Amino acid sequence: MADARYEDLLIIEGDLRLDAAGQPDRVCDGESIAQDVQHAILESGHLMQMVGERCGEIRRLLLQKIRQVIEADTRIMPGSVMIAQRTDDLNTAIWAIQASTLEFGTINVNLRTDHG
């Protein structure tokens, strides 16, 4: 990670992940960008507004807002964002987000929302 352009502490389920020595794990470059994108989406609140929303027009608007949040990150290639949704056996929506970075290839972010 000494040559990393972007570096951050690894956050899993809202908490720092620690290594065996009790030190925070780190992510760099593409993984750091993916983590930043994930946090930006969650902080925007748009994904949670999708929960229970039945109006197709409002859902399309919210998806567009999520794309805009992602593309606001200057490290993301404009127009490269793809968002897909599926529901698992526990009625949890899983949002698969893919985008191309300008320097580090494709990033993938998976977010879950509980319909229950």
Protein backbone atom coordinates (compact mmCIF):
# COMPACT_ATOMS: atom_id res chain seq x y z
CA MET A 1 0.00 0.00 0.00
CA ALA A 2 3.03 2.26 0.03
CA ASP A 3 2.37 3.13 -3.62
CA ALA A 4 -1.39 3.53 -3.16
CA ARG A 5 -2.91 6.71 -4.49
CA TYR A 6 -6.03 6.46 -2.30
CA GLU A 7 -6.01 4.77 1.08
CA ASP A 8 -8.65 4.43 3.78
CA LEU A 9 -9.56 2.38 6.83
CA LEU A 10 -11.72 -0.65 6.03
CA ILE A 11 -15.29 -0.32 7.30
CA ILE A 12 -17.47 -3.45 7.45
CA GLU A 13 -21.11 -3.12 8.55
CA GLY A 14 -20.44 0.33 9.96
CA ASP A 15 -17.43 -0.64 12.05
CA LEU A 16 -13.65 -0.72 11.63
CA ARG A 17 -12.28 -4.14 10.76
CA LEU A 18 -9.21 -4.94 12.80
CA ASP A 19 -6.36 -7.31 11.97
CA ALA A 20 -5.00 -9.99 14.30
CA ALA A 21 -2.84 -7.39 16.06
CA GLY A 22 -5.84 -5.14 16.71
CA GLN A 23 -4.81 -2.59 14.11
CA PRO A 24 -7.33 -1.27 11.57
CA ASP A 25 -7.25 -2.97 8.17
CA ARG A 26 -6.84 -0.68 5.20
CA VAL A 27 -8.14 -0.53 1.65
CA CYS A 28 -6.52 1.26 -1.23
CA ASP A 29 -7.20 2.61 -4.70
CA GLY A 30 -10.20 0.84 -6.31
CA GLU A 31 -11.35 -0.71 -3.04
CA SER A 32 -11.12 2.68 -1.34
CA ILE A 33 -13.18 4.28 -4.11
CA ALA A 34 -15.79 1.49 -3.85
CA GLN A 35 -16.03 2.05 -0.10
CA ASP A 36 -16.42 5.81 -0.61
CA VAL A 37 -19.17 5.20 -3.19
CA GLN A 38 -20.97 2.84 -0.82
CA HIS A 39 -20.88 5.41 1.99
CA ALA A 40 -22.02 8.23 -0.32
CA ILE A 41 -25.03 6.16 -1.45
CA LEU A 42 -26.00 5.28 2.12
CA GLU A 43 -25.55 8.86 3.33
CA SER A 44 -27.74 10.21 0.50
CA GLY A 45 -30.74 8.27 1.83
CA HIS A 46 -32.00 7.57 -1.70
CA LEU A 47 -31.57 3.81 -1.40
CA MET A 48 -33.67 3.62 1.76
CA GLN A 49 -36.40 5.63 0.01
CA MET A 50 -36.61 2.77 -2.49
CA VAL A 51 -37.78 0.41 0.26
CA GLY A 52 -41.51 -0.07 -0.14
CA GLU A 53 -41.77 2.43 -3.02
CA ARG A 54 -44.17 1.05 -5.61
CA CYS A 55 -44.45 3.96 -8.02
CA GLY A 56 -42.26 3.17 -11.02
CA GLU A 57 -41.66 6.83 -11.84
CA ILE A 58 -40.43 7.61 -8.31
CA ARG A 59 -38.20 4.51 -8.35
CA ARG A 60 -36.64 5.62 -11.66
CA LEU A 61 -36.07 9.09 -10.21
CA LEU A 62 -34.40 7.65 -7.11
CA LEU A 63 -32.16 5.41 -9.24
CA GLN A 64 -31.15 8.46 -11.27
CA LYS A 65 -30.31 10.31 -8.06
CA ILE A 66 -28.18 7.36 -6.91
CA ARG A 67 -26.33 7.42 -10.25
CA GLN A 68 -25.72 11.14 -9.79
CA VAL A 69 -24.33 10.56 -6.29
CA ILE A 70 -21.94 7.95 -7.68
CA GLU A 71 -20.89 10.07 -10.65
CA ALA A 72 -20.28 13.06 -8.38
CA ASP A 73 -17.12 11.21 -7.34
CA THR A 74 -14.55 12.60 -9.77
CA ARG A 75 -12.73 9.26 -9.80
CA ILE A 76 -15.73 7.58 -11.51
CA MET A 77 -16.09 7.57 -15.29
CA PRO A 78 -19.33 9.40 -16.18
CA GLY A 79 -21.94 7.17 -17.81
CA SER A 80 -20.38 3.94 -16.53
CA VAL A 81 -22.72 3.31 -13.59
CA MET A 82 -24.95 0.22 -13.75
CA ILE A 83 -27.44 -0.65 -11.01
CA ALA A 84 -29.35 -3.94 -10.76
CA GLN A 85 -31.66 -5.21 -8.03
CA ARG A 86 -32.73 -8.67 -6.92
CA THR A 87 -34.48 -10.03 -3.85
CA ASP A 88 -33.15 -12.96 -1.83
CA ASP A 89 -35.16 -15.68 -0.02
CA LEU A 90 -35.50 -13.48 3.08
CA ASN A 91 -37.20 -10.69 1.11
CA THR A 92 -34.09 -8.52 1.27
CA ALA A 93 -33.36 -6.31 -1.72
CA ILE A 94 -29.78 -6.60 -2.91
CA TRP A 95 -28.52 -3.73 -5.06
CA ALA A 96 -25.55 -4.56 -7.26
CA ILE A 97 -23.74 -1.43 -8.40
CA GLN A 98 -20.94 -1.42 -10.91
CA ALA A 99 -18.95 1.55 -12.18
CA SER A 100 -15.68 2.20 -13.96
CA THR A 101 -13.02 4.27 -12.29
CA LEU A 102 -10.73 6.50 -14.30
CA GLU A 103 -7.59 4.78 -13.00
CA PHE A 104 -8.36 1.46 -11.33
CA GLY A 105 -10.84 -0.42 -13.52
CA THR A 106 -14.27 -1.58 -12.47
CA ILE A 107 -15.60 -1.38 -8.92
CA ASN A 108 -18.50 -3.38 -7.54
CA VAL A 109 -20.65 -2.43 -4.57
CA ASN A 110 -23.43 -4.60 -3.13
CA LEU A 111 -25.93 -3.03 -0.76
CA ARG A 112 -28.87 -4.63 1.02
CA THR A 113 -32.17 -3.14 2.08
CA ASP A 114 -34.68 -4.97 4.23
CA HIS A 115 -38.24 -5.02 2.94
CA GLY A 116 -39.50 -6.74 6.09
